[in-house]
Amino acid sequence: MARRALRPCRHPGCPELTRDGWCDKHRPPPRQTRRKDSAAYHSWYSKAIWTEDLRPAQLIREPWCRVCAAKGWRTRATVVDHVVPFRGDWDLFTSPANLQSLCKYHHDQKTMREQAERRGK
């Protein structure tokens, strides 16, 4: 099996030769995955209370996208969204008052906006 050629470390001015881009002295720390915080409670979406109770009940109660409806459009909702992100709070996750029906487009917009706000803090 062929081995990679030795190349200088990616750190500016470091002459150390390496096969994987960084010498031991300048190797950056491993990146944390963005979902690390939410990994503990992301599995809640596969629980029966969500798949059989909360989500279907919300889509029956509010079949149209809430944002589109505010603009006078009728777009079928396909996503049940938490109005206030629950961030591991079971009561907030299961509260019907914290749910809203959205189309995929508006859900994706809301999610991107929330993630950008969180990164900015």
C-alpha atoms as a PDB file:
ATOM      1  CA  MET A   1       0.000   0.000   0.000  1.00  0.00           C
ATOM      2  CA  ALA A   2       1.420   3.375  -1.024  1.00  0.00           C
ATOM      3  CA  ARG A   3       2.018   5.968   1.646  1.00  0.00           C
ATOM      4  CA  ARG A   4       1.419   9.666   1.229  1.00  0.00           C
ATOM      5  CA  ALA A   5       4.377  11.851   0.420  1.00  0.00           C
ATOM      6  CA  LEU A   6       5.877  13.951   3.182  1.00  0.00           C
ATOM      7  CA  ARG A   7       4.973  17.642   3.031  1.00  0.00           C
ATOM      8  CA  PRO A   8       5.695  20.629   5.240  1.00  0.00           C
ATOM      9  CA  CYS A   9       3.305  21.340   8.100  1.00  0.00           C
ATOM     10  CA  ARG A  10       0.433  23.699   7.170  1.00  0.00           C
ATOM     11  CA  HIS A  11       1.370  26.080   9.980  1.00  0.00           C
ATOM     12  CA  PRO A  12       3.072  29.127   8.410  1.00  0.00           C
ATOM     13  CA  GLY A  13       6.841  28.864   8.677  1.00  0.00           C
ATOM     14  CA  CYS A  14       6.939  25.368  10.200  1.00  0.00           C
ATOM     15  CA  PRO A  15       9.485  23.190   8.331  1.00  0.00           C
ATOM     16  CA  GLU A  16       8.399  19.920  10.000  1.00  0.00           C
ATOM     17  CA  LEU A  17       7.489  17.211   7.442  1.00  0.00           C
ATOM     18  CA  THR A  18       4.239  15.301   7.893  1.00  0.00           C
ATOM     19  CA  ARG A  19       1.900  13.000   5.979  1.00  0.00           C
ATOM     20  CA  ASP A  20      -1.398  14.368   7.287  1.00  0.00           C
ATOM     21  CA  GLY A  21      -0.942  18.139   6.938  1.00  0.00           C
ATOM     22  CA  TRP A  22      -0.077  19.142  10.512  1.00  0.00           C
ATOM     23  CA  CYS A  23       2.871  18.345  12.745  1.00  0.00           C
ATOM     24  CA  ASP A  24       2.174  17.253  16.327  1.00  0.00           C
ATOM     25  CA  LYS A  25       3.072  20.710  17.651  1.00  0.00           C
ATOM     26  CA  HIS A  26       0.610  22.608  15.402  1.00  0.00           C
ATOM     27  CA  ARG A  27      -2.231  20.099  14.988  1.00  0.00           C
ATOM     28  CA  PRO A  28      -5.525  21.922  15.694  1.00  0.00           C
ATOM     29  CA  PRO A  29      -7.824  20.414  18.330  1.00  0.00           C
ATOM     30  CA  PRO A  30     -10.574  18.141  16.994  1.00  0.00           C
ATOM     31  CA  ARG A  31     -13.707  20.049  16.022  1.00  0.00           C
ATOM     32  CA  GLN A  32     -16.795  19.472  18.073  1.00  0.00           C
ATOM     33  CA  THR A  33     -19.879  18.525  16.127  1.00  0.00           C
ATOM     34  CA  ARG A  34     -22.665  21.069  16.201  1.00  0.00           C
ATOM     35  CA  ARG A  35     -25.133  18.463  17.333  1.00  0.00           C
ATOM     36  CA  LYS A  36     -23.101  17.521  20.403  1.00  0.00           C
ATOM     37  CA  ASP A  37     -25.326  19.631  22.669  1.00  0.00           C
ATOM     38  CA  SER A  38     -28.553  18.311  21.205  1.00  0.00           C
ATOM     39  CA  ALA A  39     -27.496  14.675  20.729  1.00  0.00           C
ATOM     40  CA  ALA A  40     -28.894  13.713  24.134  1.00  0.00           C
ATOM     41  CA  TYR A  41     -32.413  14.868  23.310  1.00  0.00           C
ATOM     42  CA  HIS A  42     -32.537  14.590  19.511  1.00  0.00           C
ATOM     43  CA  SER A  43     -33.795  11.015  19.891  1.00  0.00           C
ATOM     44  CA  TRP A  44     -36.983  12.386  21.489  1.00  0.00           C
ATOM     45  CA  TYR A  45     -38.299  12.930  17.968  1.00  0.00           C
ATOM     46  CA  SER A  46     -38.492   9.151  17.500  1.00  0.00           C
ATOM     47  CA  LYS A  47     -40.513   8.552  20.689  1.00  0.00           C
ATOM     48  CA  ALA A  48     -44.157   7.552  20.369  1.00  0.00           C
ATOM     49  CA  ILE A  49     -45.342  10.684  22.171  1.00  0.00           C
ATOM     50  CA  TRP A  50     -43.963  12.734  19.247  1.00  0.00           C
ATOM     51  CA  THR A  51     -44.621  10.427  16.285  1.00  0.00           C
ATOM     52  CA  GLU A  52     -48.064   9.198  17.335  1.00  0.00           C
ATOM     53  CA  ASP A  53     -49.468  11.965  19.527  1.00  0.00           C
ATOM     54  CA  LEU A  54     -48.010  15.473  19.365  1.00  0.00           C
ATOM     55  CA  ARG A  55     -46.990  15.798  15.715  1.00  0.00           C
ATOM     56  CA  PRO A  56     -50.131  14.315  14.107  1.00  0.00           C
ATOM     57  CA  ALA A  57     -52.421  16.192  16.504  1.00  0.00           C
ATOM     58  CA  GLN A  58     -50.714  19.497  15.667  1.00  0.00           C
ATOM     59  CA  LEU A  59     -50.996  18.924  11.909  1.00  0.00           C
ATOM     60  CA  ILE A  60     -54.697  18.107  12.297  1.00  0.00           C
ATOM     61  CA  ARG A  61     -55.297  21.113  14.540  1.00  0.00           C
ATOM     62  CA  GLU A  62     -53.350  23.474  12.239  1.00  0.00           C
ATOM     63  CA  PRO A  63     -53.024  21.996   8.716  1.00  0.00           C
ATOM     64  CA  TRP A  64     -51.748  25.210   7.075  1.00  0.00           C
ATOM     65  CA  CYS A  65     -48.379  26.887   7.494  1.00  0.00           C
ATOM     66  CA  ARG A  66     -48.733  29.593  10.137  1.00  0.00           C
ATOM     67  CA  VAL A  67     -46.343  32.034   8.412  1.00  0.00           C
ATOM     68  CA  CYS A  68     -47.964  31.592   4.996  1.00  0.00           C
ATOM     69  CA  ALA A  69     -51.430  32.020   6.549  1.00  0.00           C
ATOM     70  CA  ALA A  70     -50.338  35.345   8.065  1.00  0.00           C
ATOM     71  CA  LYS A  71     -49.522  36.499   4.508  1.00  0.00           C
ATOM     72  CA  GLY A  72     -52.862  35.273   3.172  1.00  0.00           C
ATOM     73  CA  TRP A  73     -51.452  32.187   1.446  1.00  0.00           C
ATOM     74  CA  ARG A  74     -52.707  28.619   1.899  1.00  0.00           C
ATOM     75  CA  THR A  75     -49.731  26.284   2.010  1.00  0.00           C
ATOM     76  CA  ARG A  76     -50.025  22.816   3.491  1.00  0.00           C
ATOM     77  CA  ALA A  77     -47.885  22.460   6.627  1.00  0.00           C
ATOM     78  CA  THR A  78     -45.478  19.535   6.594  1.00  0.00           C
ATOM     79  CA  VAL A  79     -43.347  20.321   9.651  1.00  0.00           C
ATOM     80  CA  VAL A  80     -44.269  20.727  13.306  1.00  0.00           C
ATOM     81  CA  ASP A  81     -41.964  23.290  14.878  1.00  0.00           C
ATOM     82  CA  HIS A  82     -41.285  24.324  18.461  1.00  0.00           C
ATOM     83  CA  VAL A  83     -42.035  28.037  18.776  1.00  0.00           C
ATOM     84  CA  VAL A  84     -39.479  28.347  21.578  1.00  0.00           C
ATOM     85  CA  PRO A  85     -36.529  25.954  21.104  1.00  0.00           C
ATOM     86  CA  PHE A  86     -36.796  23.384  23.887  1.00  0.00           C
ATOM     87  CA  ARG A  87     -33.055  22.675  24.273  1.00  0.00           C
ATOM     88  CA  GLY A  88     -33.551  19.539  26.358  1.00  0.00           C
ATOM     89  CA  ASP A  89     -36.535  20.758  28.394  1.00  0.00           C
ATOM     90  CA  TRP A  90     -39.046  17.867  28.309  1.00  0.00           C
ATOM     91  CA  ASP A  91     -41.985  20.047  29.397  1.00  0.00           C
ATOM     92  CA  LEU A  92     -41.295  22.530  26.595  1.00  0.00           C
ATOM     93  CA  PHE A  93     -40.847  19.672  24.114  1.00  0.00           C
ATOM     94  CA  THR A  94     -44.218  18.123  24.951  1.00  0.00           C
ATOM     95  CA  SER A  95     -46.218  21.324  25.413  1.00  0.00           C
ATOM     96  CA  PRO A  96     -48.884  21.667  22.659  1.00  0.00           C
ATOM     97  CA  ALA A  97     -48.862  25.431  23.271  1.00  0.00           C
ATOM     98  CA  ASN A  98     -45.223  25.495  22.097  1.00  0.00           C
ATOM     99  CA  LEU A  99     -45.967  23.856  18.730  1.00  0.00           C
ATOM    100  CA  GLN A 100     -46.732  25.444  15.392  1.00  0.00           C
ATOM    101  CA  SER A 101     -47.279  24.041  11.917  1.00  0.00           C
ATOM    102  CA  LEU A 102     -44.983  25.314   9.167  1.00  0.00           C
ATOM    103  CA  CYS A 103     -44.149  24.506   5.572  1.00  0.00           C
ATOM    104  CA  LYS A 104     -40.618  23.220   5.026  1.00  0.00           C
ATOM    105  CA  TYR A 105     -39.472  26.531   3.532  1.00  0.00           C
ATOM    106  CA  HIS A 106     -40.476  28.611   6.553  1.00  0.00           C
ATOM    107  CA  HIS A 107     -39.224  25.992   9.014  1.00  0.00           C
ATOM    108  CA  ASP A 108     -35.805  25.985   7.337  1.00  0.00           C
ATOM    109  CA  GLN A 109     -35.724  29.800   7.401  1.00  0.00           C
ATOM    110  CA  LYS A 110     -36.588  29.880  11.101  1.00  0.00           C
ATOM    111  CA  THR A 111     -33.997  27.223  11.921  1.00  0.00           C
ATOM    112  CA  MET A 112     -31.236  29.049  10.032  1.00  0.00           C
ATOM    113  CA  ARG A 113     -32.121  32.319  11.785  1.00  0.00           C
ATOM    114  CA  GLU A 114     -32.014  30.636  15.215  1.00  0.00           C
ATOM    115  CA  GLN A 115     -28.687  28.965  14.470  1.00  0.00           C
ATOM    116  CA  ALA A 116     -27.175  32.239  13.255  1.00  0.00           C
ATOM    117  CA  GLU A 117     -28.346  34.008  16.431  1.00  0.00           C
ATOM    118  CA  ARG A 118     -26.867  31.240  18.550  1.00  0.00           C
ATOM    119  CA  ARG A 119     -23.508  31.366  16.750  1.00  0.00           C
ATOM    120  CA  GLY A 120     -23.426  35.136  17.188  1.00  0.00           C
ATOM    121  CA  LYS A 121     -23.678  34.899  20.963  1.00  0.00           C
END
